[in-house]
């Protein structure tokens, strides 16, 4: 499905994943999708007349469970509701005869189910999906031309500047946004050989945790030795695993992992301000 997504739509899903990690959620849900959408595409705010992005964020934060943050290197699954959002976005794009799936279609997908957290909030704050849909019907669909690579797969959307990482092309603005998130705190990045980690699994919910102390004196949690088999680079999604090749070594701050190429190019030195940048 992601092959049809615009760069903005893919970044929305990336930011939704980031938001889910910050909330300590075991899955990317509709409220995380909404926060990611409002962060990526601020122009959609005009279709929510009764609240701004900060109001919506505070509302979600006040009602969300207070869980420990999850490492952003963990690949979180999409919830059933979030999958429904993507399906409705695809349906909206098809109905409008749009080859791409953009943030506007994600907005319609979020507003299309009032049983979800995001759908209820959009309904409460007066989201006008009908007017947005009519506006989109009056606009000619944007053209899509050249192929590029993204962490979610191949895209047919034209991009101006790309950066090569591990032989694949990534949208420069996308990489720059993720690097900004990584560099938001002055982390100490240490080069390390990747090794499997112990995890605990809740017996009833099957939820995972790296806090192995939960298994001590508790029948609710089961310790799984070396149960965590891989991580992914937070910037380019390069797989890190126990291996003798370049997949077996990366940089970590104790929570998040980066591949050697991304850390050394984008974090340990300021690639995007350098005149040596090789964007094409």
C-alpha atoms as a PDB file:
ATOM      1  CA  UNK A   1       0.000   0.000   0.000  1.00  0.00           C
ATOM      2  CA  UNK A   2       2.772   2.484   0.893  1.00  0.00           C
ATOM      3  CA  UNK A   3       4.066   2.544  -2.671  1.00  0.00           C
ATOM      4  CA  UNK A   4       1.278   5.022  -3.509  1.00  0.00           C
ATOM      5  CA  UNK A   5       1.916   7.292  -0.518  1.00  0.00           C
ATOM      6  CA  UNK A   6       3.343  10.761  -1.022  1.00  0.00           C
ATOM      7  CA  UNK A   7       6.407  11.770   0.983  1.00  0.00           C
ATOM      8  CA  UNK A   8       4.192  13.785   3.332  1.00  0.00           C
ATOM      9  CA  UNK A   9       1.879  10.823   3.880  1.00  0.00           C
ATOM     10  CA  UNK A  10       4.820   8.528   4.618  1.00  0.00           C
ATOM     11  CA  UNK A  11       6.272  11.062   7.043  1.00  0.00           C
ATOM     12  CA  UNK A  12       2.859  11.211   8.721  1.00  0.00           C
ATOM     13  CA  UNK A  13       3.059   7.467   9.381  1.00  0.00           C
ATOM     14  CA  UNK A  14       6.641   7.873  10.608  1.00  0.00           C
ATOM     15  CA  UNK A  15       5.619  10.637  13.014  1.00  0.00           C
ATOM     16  CA  UNK A  16       2.646   8.532  14.134  1.00  0.00           C
ATOM     17  CA  UNK A  17       5.107   5.766  15.021  1.00  0.00           C
ATOM     18  CA  UNK A  18       7.210   8.275  16.941  1.00  0.00           C
ATOM     19  CA  UNK A  19       4.148   9.533  18.828  1.00  0.00           C
ATOM     20  CA  UNK A  20       3.126   5.975  19.723  1.00  0.00           C
ATOM     21  CA  UNK A  21       6.612   5.343  21.156  1.00  0.00           C
ATOM     22  CA  UNK A  22       6.404   8.521  23.232  1.00  0.00           C
ATOM     23  CA  UNK A  23       3.069   7.387  24.660  1.00  0.00           C
ATOM     24  CA  UNK A  24       4.445   3.912  25.371  1.00  0.00           C
ATOM     25  CA  UNK A  25       1.747   2.396  23.180  1.00  0.00           C
ATOM     26  CA  UNK A  26       2.151  -1.208  21.961  1.00  0.00           C
ATOM     27  CA  UNK A  27       0.723  -0.210  18.564  1.00  0.00           C
ATOM     28  CA  UNK A  28       0.275   2.802  16.296  1.00  0.00           C
ATOM     29  CA  UNK A  29      -3.330   3.881  16.806  1.00  0.00           C
ATOM     30  CA  UNK A  30      -5.619   6.471  15.244  1.00  0.00           C
ATOM     31  CA  UNK A  31      -4.796   9.192  17.780  1.00  0.00           C
ATOM     32  CA  UNK A  32      -1.101   8.812  16.935  1.00  0.00           C
ATOM     33  CA  UNK A  33      -1.978   9.051  13.244  1.00  0.00           C
ATOM     34  CA  UNK A  34      -3.886  12.273  13.933  1.00  0.00           C
ATOM     35  CA  UNK A  35      -0.971  13.808  15.854  1.00  0.00           C
ATOM     36  CA  UNK A  36       1.429  12.772  13.099  1.00  0.00           C
ATOM     37  CA  UNK A  37      -0.850  14.264  10.458  1.00  0.00           C
ATOM     38  CA  UNK A  38      -1.217  17.620  12.223  1.00  0.00           C
ATOM     39  CA  UNK A  39       2.534  17.741  12.751  1.00  0.00           C
ATOM     40  CA  UNK A  40       3.329  17.035   9.102  1.00  0.00           C
ATOM     41  CA  UNK A  41       0.545  18.894   7.274  1.00  0.00           C
ATOM     42  CA  UNK A  42      -0.407  22.049   9.145  1.00  0.00           C
ATOM     43  CA  UNK A  43      -2.577  23.282   6.258  1.00  0.00           C
ATOM     44  CA  UNK A  44      -5.201  20.678   7.186  1.00  0.00           C
ATOM     45  CA  UNK A  45      -5.824  22.567  10.418  1.00  0.00           C
ATOM     46  CA  UNK A  46      -8.305  24.822   8.590  1.00  0.00           C
ATOM     47  CA  UNK A  47     -10.640  21.845   8.230  1.00  0.00           C
ATOM     48  CA  UNK A  48     -10.874  21.516  12.044  1.00  0.00           C
ATOM     49  CA  UNK A  49     -12.530  24.830  13.011  1.00  0.00           C
ATOM     50  CA  UNK A  50     -13.108  24.220  16.734  1.00  0.00           C
ATOM     51  CA  UNK A  51      -9.596  23.303  17.891  1.00  0.00           C
ATOM     52  CA  UNK A  52      -5.945  23.768  17.038  1.00  0.00           C
ATOM     53  CA  UNK A  53      -3.217  21.126  17.023  1.00  0.00           C
ATOM     54  CA  UNK A  54      -2.070  21.939  20.567  1.00  0.00           C
ATOM     55  CA  UNK A  55      -5.602  21.577  21.945  1.00  0.00           C
ATOM     56  CA  UNK A  56      -5.953  18.187  20.285  1.00  0.00           C
ATOM     57  CA  UNK A  57      -2.579  17.054  21.624  1.00  0.00           C
ATOM     58  CA  UNK A  58      -3.439  18.069  25.185  1.00  0.00           C
ATOM     59  CA  UNK A  59      -6.776  16.281  24.899  1.00  0.00           C
ATOM     60  CA  UNK A  60      -5.087  13.060  23.760  1.00  0.00           C
ATOM     61  CA  UNK A  61      -2.364  13.332  26.407  1.00  0.00           C
ATOM     62  CA  UNK A  62      -4.922  13.821  29.175  1.00  0.00           C
ATOM     63  CA  UNK A  63      -6.815  10.655  28.267  1.00  0.00           C
ATOM     64  CA  UNK A  64      -3.925   8.382  27.237  1.00  0.00           C
ATOM     65  CA  UNK A  65      -2.551   5.775  29.684  1.00  0.00           C
ATOM     66  CA  UNK A  66       0.675   6.891  31.366  1.00  0.00           C
ATOM     67  CA  UNK A  67       3.074   4.220  30.109  1.00  0.00           C
ATOM     68  CA  UNK A  68       6.845   4.166  29.940  1.00  0.00           C
ATOM     69  CA  UNK A  69       8.227   5.404  26.635  1.00  0.00           C
ATOM     70  CA  UNK A  70       9.216   2.748  24.100  1.00  0.00           C
ATOM     71  CA  UNK A  71      12.458   2.818  22.142  1.00  0.00           C
ATOM     72  CA  UNK A  72      11.910   4.346  18.723  1.00  0.00           C
ATOM     73  CA  UNK A  73      13.981   1.526  17.233  1.00  0.00           C
ATOM     74  CA  UNK A  74      11.115  -0.883  17.851  1.00  0.00           C
ATOM     75  CA  UNK A  75       8.831  -1.586  14.906  1.00  0.00           C
ATOM     76  CA  UNK A  76       5.341  -1.036  16.256  1.00  0.00           C
ATOM     77  CA  UNK A  77       2.393  -2.658  14.482  1.00  0.00           C
ATOM     78  CA  UNK A  78      -0.612  -0.738  13.230  1.00  0.00           C
ATOM     79  CA  UNK A  79      -3.749  -1.167  15.301  1.00  0.00           C
ATOM     80  CA  UNK A  80      -6.958  -2.393  13.693  1.00  0.00           C
ATOM     81  CA  UNK A  81      -8.237   1.191  13.727  1.00  0.00           C
ATOM     82  CA  UNK A  82      -5.076   2.560  12.094  1.00  0.00           C
ATOM     83  CA  UNK A  83      -5.259  -0.089   9.379  1.00  0.00           C
ATOM     84  CA  UNK A  84      -8.815   1.031   8.773  1.00  0.00           C
ATOM     85  CA  UNK A  85      -7.598   4.616   8.330  1.00  0.00           C
ATOM     86  CA  UNK A  86      -5.135   3.541   5.636  1.00  0.00           C
ATOM     87  CA  UNK A  87      -7.792   1.460   3.889  1.00  0.00           C
ATOM     88  CA  UNK A  88     -10.274   4.351   3.881  1.00  0.00           C
ATOM     89  CA  UNK A  89      -7.559   6.731   2.662  1.00  0.00           C
ATOM     90  CA  UNK A  90      -6.890   4.392  -0.252  1.00  0.00           C
ATOM     91  CA  UNK A  91     -10.622   4.189  -0.973  1.00  0.00           C
ATOM     92  CA  UNK A  92     -10.927   7.993  -0.923  1.00  0.00           C
ATOM     93  CA  UNK A  93      -8.011   8.326  -3.340  1.00  0.00           C
ATOM     94  CA  UNK A  94      -9.518   5.728  -5.679  1.00  0.00           C
ATOM     95  CA  UNK A  95     -12.907   7.430  -5.572  1.00  0.00           C
ATOM     96  CA  UNK A  96     -11.286  10.748  -6.492  1.00  0.00           C
ATOM     97  CA  UNK A  97      -9.288   9.010  -9.232  1.00  0.00           C
ATOM     98  CA  UNK A  98      -6.012  10.028  -7.569  1.00  0.00           C
ATOM     99  CA  UNK A  99      -3.029   7.786  -8.208  1.00  0.00           C
ATOM    100  CA  UNK A 100      -1.321   9.011  -5.046  1.00  0.00           C
ATOM    101  CA  UNK A 101      -2.435   8.753  -1.405  1.00  0.00           C
ATOM    102  CA  UNK A 102      -1.684  11.999   0.388  1.00  0.00           C
ATOM    103  CA  UNK A 103      -2.255  13.659   3.737  1.00  0.00           C
ATOM    104  CA  UNK A 104      -5.647  14.885   2.551  1.00  0.00           C
ATOM    105  CA  UNK A 105      -6.751  11.283   2.022  1.00  0.00           C
ATOM    106  CA  UNK A 106      -5.398  10.300   5.444  1.00  0.00           C
ATOM    107  CA  UNK A 107      -7.467  13.115   6.963  1.00  0.00           C
ATOM    108  CA  UNK A 108     -10.592  11.755   5.283  1.00  0.00           C
ATOM    109  CA  UNK A 109      -9.652   8.273   6.463  1.00  0.00           C
ATOM    110  CA  UNK A 110      -9.325   9.477  10.062  1.00  0.00           C
ATOM    111  CA  UNK A 111     -12.603  11.385   9.949  1.00  0.00           C
ATOM    112  CA  UNK A 112     -14.451   8.478   8.368  1.00  0.00           C
ATOM    113  CA  UNK A 113     -14.859   6.327  11.504  1.00  0.00           C
ATOM    114  CA  UNK A 114     -16.437   7.968  14.535  1.00  0.00           C
ATOM    115  CA  UNK A 115     -15.837   4.883  16.675  1.00  0.00           C
ATOM    116  CA  UNK A 116     -12.075   5.555  16.919  1.00  0.00           C
ATOM    117  CA  UNK A 117     -10.371   8.053  19.228  1.00  0.00           C
ATOM    118  CA  UNK A 118      -9.282  10.253  16.317  1.00  0.00           C
ATOM    119  CA  UNK A 119     -12.666  10.020  14.622  1.00  0.00           C
ATOM    120  CA  UNK A 120     -14.481  11.080  17.806  1.00  0.00           C
ATOM    121  CA  UNK A 121     -12.141  14.026  18.320  1.00  0.00           C
ATOM    122  CA  UNK A 122     -12.497  15.215  14.741  1.00  0.00           C
ATOM    123  CA  UNK A 123     -16.274  14.951  15.004  1.00  0.00           C
ATOM    124  CA  UNK A 124     -16.291  16.858  18.311  1.00  0.00           C
ATOM    125  CA  UNK A 125     -14.075  19.622  16.943  1.00  0.00           C
ATOM    126  CA  UNK A 126     -16.134  20.107  13.806  1.00  0.00           C
ATOM    127  CA  UNK A 127     -13.896  18.521  11.187  1.00  0.00           C
ATOM    128  CA  UNK A 128     -15.542  19.170   7.829  1.00  0.00           C
ATOM    129  CA  UNK A 129     -14.585  16.188   5.712  1.00  0.00           C
ATOM    130  CA  UNK A 130     -17.477  16.845   3.322  1.00  0.00           C
ATOM    131  CA  UNK A 131     -16.144  20.272   2.273  1.00  0.00           C
ATOM    132  CA  UNK A 132     -12.606  18.896   2.011  1.00  0.00           C
ATOM    133  CA  UNK A 133     -13.796  16.090  -0.244  1.00  0.00           C
ATOM    134  CA  UNK A 134     -15.704  18.555  -2.446  1.00  0.00           C
ATOM    135  CA  UNK A 135     -12.626  20.796  -2.648  1.00  0.00           C
ATOM    136  CA  UNK A 136     -10.500  17.851  -3.721  1.00  0.00           C
ATOM    137  CA  UNK A 137     -13.042  16.891  -6.384  1.00  0.00           C
ATOM    138  CA  UNK A 138     -12.704  20.353  -7.931  1.00  0.00           C
ATOM    139  CA  UNK A 139      -8.903  20.130  -8.104  1.00  0.00           C
ATOM    140  CA  UNK A 140      -7.018  18.282 -10.853  1.00  0.00           C
ATOM    141  CA  UNK A 141      -5.034  15.363  -9.401  1.00  0.00           C
ATOM    142  CA  UNK A 142      -1.316  16.172  -9.053  1.00  0.00           C
ATOM    143  CA  UNK A 143       1.036  14.416 -11.415  1.00  0.00           C
ATOM    144  CA  UNK A 144       3.384  11.698 -10.238  1.00  0.00           C
ATOM    145  CA  UNK A 145       6.482  10.994 -12.242  1.00  0.00           C
ATOM    146  CA  UNK A 146       9.807   9.726 -10.974  1.00  0.00           C
ATOM    147  CA  UNK A 147      10.537   6.765  -8.684  1.00  0.00           C
ATOM    148  CA  UNK A 148      12.384   7.068  -5.411  1.00  0.00           C
ATOM    149  CA  UNK A 149      13.067   4.938  -2.340  1.00  0.00           C
ATOM    150  CA  UNK A 150      11.640   5.336   1.140  1.00  0.00           C
ATOM    151  CA  UNK A 151      11.730   3.330   4.366  1.00  0.00           C
ATOM    152  CA  UNK A 152       8.234   2.094   3.503  1.00  0.00           C
ATOM    153  CA  UNK A 153       9.059   0.883  -0.002  1.00  0.00           C
ATOM    154  CA  UNK A 154       9.119   2.285  -3.521  1.00  0.00           C
ATOM    155  CA  UNK A 155       7.203   5.431  -4.387  1.00  0.00           C
ATOM    156  CA  UNK A 156       6.123   6.874  -7.692  1.00  0.00           C
ATOM    157  CA  UNK A 157       5.987  10.421  -6.394  1.00  0.00           C
ATOM    158  CA  UNK A 158       8.446  12.915  -7.867  1.00  0.00           C
ATOM    159  CA  UNK A 159      11.021  14.303  -5.450  1.00  0.00           C
ATOM    160  CA  UNK A 160      13.594  17.022  -6.076  1.00  0.00           C
ATOM    161  CA  UNK A 161      16.470  16.091  -3.720  1.00  0.00           C
ATOM    162  CA  UNK A 162      17.462  12.653  -2.535  1.00  0.00           C
ATOM    163  CA  UNK A 163      20.189  11.216  -0.348  1.00  0.00           C
ATOM    164  CA  UNK A 164      21.789   7.843  -0.952  1.00  0.00           C
ATOM    165  CA  UNK A 165      21.973   5.528   2.088  1.00  0.00           C
ATOM    166  CA  UNK A 166      23.154   1.932   1.730  1.00  0.00           C
ATOM    167  CA  UNK A 167      22.739   2.221  -2.029  1.00  0.00           C
ATOM    168  CA  UNK A 168      19.084   3.314  -1.863  1.00  0.00           C
ATOM    169  CA  UNK A 169      17.639   6.781  -2.445  1.00  0.00           C
ATOM    170  CA  UNK A 170      15.789   8.553   0.389  1.00  0.00           C
ATOM    171  CA  UNK A 171      13.966  11.865   0.185  1.00  0.00           C
ATOM    172  CA  UNK A 172      16.313  14.534   1.574  1.00  0.00           C
ATOM    173  CA  UNK A 173      13.590  16.439   3.448  1.00  0.00           C
ATOM    174  CA  UNK A 174      12.409  13.219   5.051  1.00  0.00           C
ATOM    175  CA  UNK A 175      15.929  12.308   6.226  1.00  0.00           C
ATOM    176  CA  UNK A 176      16.503  15.861   7.455  1.00  0.00           C
ATOM    177  CA  UNK A 177      13.299  15.731   9.542  1.00  0.00           C
ATOM    178  CA  UNK A 178      14.229  12.421  11.144  1.00  0.00           C
ATOM    179  CA  UNK A 179      17.790  13.579  11.862  1.00  0.00           C
ATOM    180  CA  UNK A 180      16.374  16.689  13.553  1.00  0.00           C
ATOM    181  CA  UNK A 181      14.323  14.412  15.808  1.00  0.00           C
ATOM    182  CA  UNK A 182      17.378  12.277  16.606  1.00  0.00           C
ATOM    183  CA  UNK A 183      19.480  15.346  17.420  1.00  0.00           C
ATOM    184  CA  UNK A 184      16.811  16.984  19.576  1.00  0.00           C
ATOM    185  CA  UNK A 185      18.741  15.754  22.634  1.00  0.00           C
ATOM    186  CA  UNK A 186      22.512  15.626  23.008  1.00  0.00           C
ATOM    187  CA  UNK A 187      22.778  11.835  23.135  1.00  0.00           C
ATOM    188  CA  UNK A 188      26.093  10.023  23.547  1.00  0.00           C
ATOM    189  CA  UNK A 189      26.268   7.600  20.626  1.00  0.00           C
ATOM    190  CA  UNK A 190      28.525   4.604  21.190  1.00  0.00           C
ATOM    191  CA  UNK A 191      29.622   2.207  18.483  1.00  0.00           C
ATOM    192  CA  UNK A 192      28.686  -1.332  19.479  1.00  0.00           C
ATOM    193  CA  UNK A 193      28.225  -4.854  18.182  1.00  0.00           C
ATOM    194  CA  UNK A 194      24.541  -5.682  18.116  1.00  0.00           C
ATOM    195  CA  UNK A 195      23.500  -8.558  20.383  1.00  0.00           C
ATOM    196  CA  UNK A 196      20.082 -10.092  21.087  1.00  0.00           C
ATOM    197  CA  UNK A 197      18.390  -8.819  24.236  1.00  0.00           C
ATOM    198  CA  UNK A 198      16.334 -10.500  26.916  1.00  0.00           C
ATOM    199  CA  UNK A 199      12.674  -9.529  27.072  1.00  0.00           C
ATOM    200  CA  UNK A 200       9.668 -10.392  29.208  1.00  0.00           C
ATOM    201  CA  UNK A 201       6.239 -11.273  27.857  1.00  0.00           C
ATOM    202  CA  UNK A 202       2.960 -10.706  29.678  1.00  0.00           C
ATOM    203  CA  UNK A 203       1.132 -14.022  29.871  1.00  0.00           C
ATOM    204  CA  UNK A 204      -2.347 -12.611  29.180  1.00  0.00           C
ATOM    205  CA  UNK A 205      -1.748  -9.726  26.790  1.00  0.00           C
ATOM    206  CA  UNK A 206       1.474 -10.983  25.111  1.00  0.00           C
ATOM    207  CA  UNK A 207       2.869  -7.450  25.446  1.00  0.00           C
ATOM    208  CA  UNK A 208       6.648  -7.141  25.527  1.00  0.00           C
ATOM    209  CA  UNK A 209       8.999  -5.257  27.819  1.00  0.00           C
ATOM    210  CA  UNK A 210      12.747  -4.873  28.162  1.00  0.00           C
ATOM    211  CA  UNK A 211      12.368  -4.509  31.946  1.00  0.00           C
ATOM    212  CA  UNK A 212      13.380  -8.062  32.902  1.00  0.00           C
ATOM    213  CA  UNK A 213      12.765  -7.270  36.582  1.00  0.00           C
ATOM    214  CA  UNK A 214       9.054  -7.662  35.852  1.00  0.00           C
ATOM    215  CA  UNK A 215       9.565 -11.420  35.706  1.00  0.00           C
ATOM    216  CA  UNK A 216      11.051 -11.590  39.186  1.00  0.00           C
ATOM    217  CA  UNK A 217       8.503 -12.962  41.650  1.00  0.00           C
ATOM    218  CA  UNK A 218       5.636 -12.548  39.194  1.00  0.00           C
ATOM    219  CA  UNK A 219       3.659 -15.194  37.354  1.00  0.00           C
ATOM    220  CA  UNK A 220       2.247 -12.614  34.948  1.00  0.00           C
ATOM    221  CA  UNK A 221       5.526 -12.233  33.060  1.00  0.00           C
ATOM    222  CA  UNK A 222       7.763 -14.797  31.381  1.00  0.00           C
ATOM    223  CA  UNK A 223      11.450 -14.144  30.769  1.00  0.00           C
ATOM    224  CA  UNK A 224      12.566 -14.905  27.207  1.00  0.00           C
ATOM    225  CA  UNK A 225      16.347 -15.127  26.928  1.00  0.00           C
ATOM    226  CA  UNK A 226      17.656 -13.429  23.755  1.00  0.00           C
ATOM    227  CA  UNK A 227      14.055 -12.899  22.680  1.00  0.00           C
ATOM    228  CA  UNK A 228      14.719  -9.594  20.903  1.00  0.00           C
ATOM    229  CA  UNK A 229      16.303 -10.636  17.608  1.00  0.00           C
ATOM    230  CA  UNK A 230      16.771  -7.391  15.696  1.00  0.00           C
ATOM    231  CA  UNK A 231      16.539  -3.609  15.683  1.00  0.00           C
ATOM    232  CA  UNK A 232      16.335  -1.055  12.888  1.00  0.00           C
ATOM    233  CA  UNK A 233      18.156   2.184  12.237  1.00  0.00           C
ATOM    234  CA  UNK A 234      15.877   4.993  13.341  1.00  0.00           C
ATOM    235  CA  UNK A 235      16.818   7.085  10.317  1.00  0.00           C
ATOM    236  CA  UNK A 236      16.896   4.709   7.336  1.00  0.00           C
ATOM    237  CA  UNK A 237      15.340   1.511   8.775  1.00  0.00           C
ATOM    238  CA  UNK A 238      18.520  -0.521   8.031  1.00  0.00           C
ATOM    239  CA  UNK A 239      18.215  -3.847   9.840  1.00  0.00           C
ATOM    240  CA  UNK A 240      20.592  -4.472  12.735  1.00  0.00           C
ATOM    241  CA  UNK A 241      20.990  -8.051  13.909  1.00  0.00           C
ATOM    242  CA  UNK A 242      23.569 -10.513  15.160  1.00  0.00           C
ATOM    243  CA  UNK A 243      25.820 -10.783  12.136  1.00  0.00           C
ATOM    244  CA  UNK A 244      29.447 -10.642  10.994  1.00  0.00           C
ATOM    245  CA  UNK A 245      28.673  -8.152   8.220  1.00  0.00           C
ATOM    246  CA  UNK A 246      27.638  -4.479   8.300  1.00  0.00           C
ATOM    247  CA  UNK A 247      24.266  -5.435   9.789  1.00  0.00           C
ATOM    248  CA  UNK A 248      25.985  -6.526  12.985  1.00  0.00           C
ATOM    249  CA  UNK A 249      27.443  -3.191  14.141  1.00  0.00           C
ATOM    250  CA  UNK A 250      25.835   0.175  14.767  1.00  0.00           C
ATOM    251  CA  UNK A 251      25.629   3.072  17.189  1.00  0.00           C
ATOM    252  CA  UNK A 252      23.347   3.179  20.224  1.00  0.00           C
ATOM    253  CA  UNK A 253      22.444   5.686  22.926  1.00  0.00           C
ATOM    254  CA  UNK A 254      21.236   2.893  25.175  1.00  0.00           C
ATOM    255  CA  UNK A 255      17.710   2.925  23.746  1.00  0.00           C
ATOM    256  CA  UNK A 256      17.770   3.757  20.046  1.00  0.00           C
ATOM    257  CA  UNK A 257      20.008   2.261  17.350  1.00  0.00           C
ATOM    258  CA  UNK A 258      21.460   3.888  14.246  1.00  0.00           C
ATOM    259  CA  UNK A 259      23.337   2.178  11.448  1.00  0.00           C
ATOM    260  CA  UNK A 260      26.988   3.182  11.081  1.00  0.00           C
ATOM    261  CA  UNK A 261      26.393   5.114   7.862  1.00  0.00           C
ATOM    262  CA  UNK A 262      23.544   7.252   9.210  1.00  0.00           C
ATOM    263  CA  UNK A 263      25.218   7.973  12.545  1.00  0.00           C
ATOM    264  CA  UNK A 264      28.562   8.901  11.057  1.00  0.00           C
ATOM    265  CA  UNK A 265      27.109  11.019   8.231  1.00  0.00           C
ATOM    266  CA  UNK A 266      24.112  12.718   9.813  1.00  0.00           C
ATOM    267  CA  UNK A 267      24.624  12.700  13.594  1.00  0.00           C
ATOM    268  CA  UNK A 268      28.361  12.773  14.300  1.00  0.00           C
ATOM    269  CA  UNK A 269      28.778  15.421  11.614  1.00  0.00           C
ATOM    270  CA  UNK A 270      26.282  17.939  10.212  1.00  0.00           C
ATOM    271  CA  UNK A 271      25.786  16.527   6.734  1.00  0.00           C
ATOM    272  CA  UNK A 272      23.029  18.893   5.642  1.00  0.00           C
ATOM    273  CA  UNK A 273      24.975  22.076   6.371  1.00  0.00           C
ATOM    274  CA  UNK A 274      28.063  20.772   4.588  1.00  0.00           C
ATOM    275  CA  UNK A 275      28.931  21.852   1.077  1.00  0.00           C
ATOM    276  CA  UNK A 276      29.919  18.220   0.482  1.00  0.00           C
ATOM    277  CA  UNK A 277      26.294  17.023   0.558  1.00  0.00           C
ATOM    278  CA  UNK A 278      25.650  14.694  -2.330  1.00  0.00           C
ATOM    279  CA  UNK A 279      21.986  15.357  -2.968  1.00  0.00           C
ATOM    280  CA  UNK A 280      20.791  14.726  -6.507  1.00  0.00           C
END
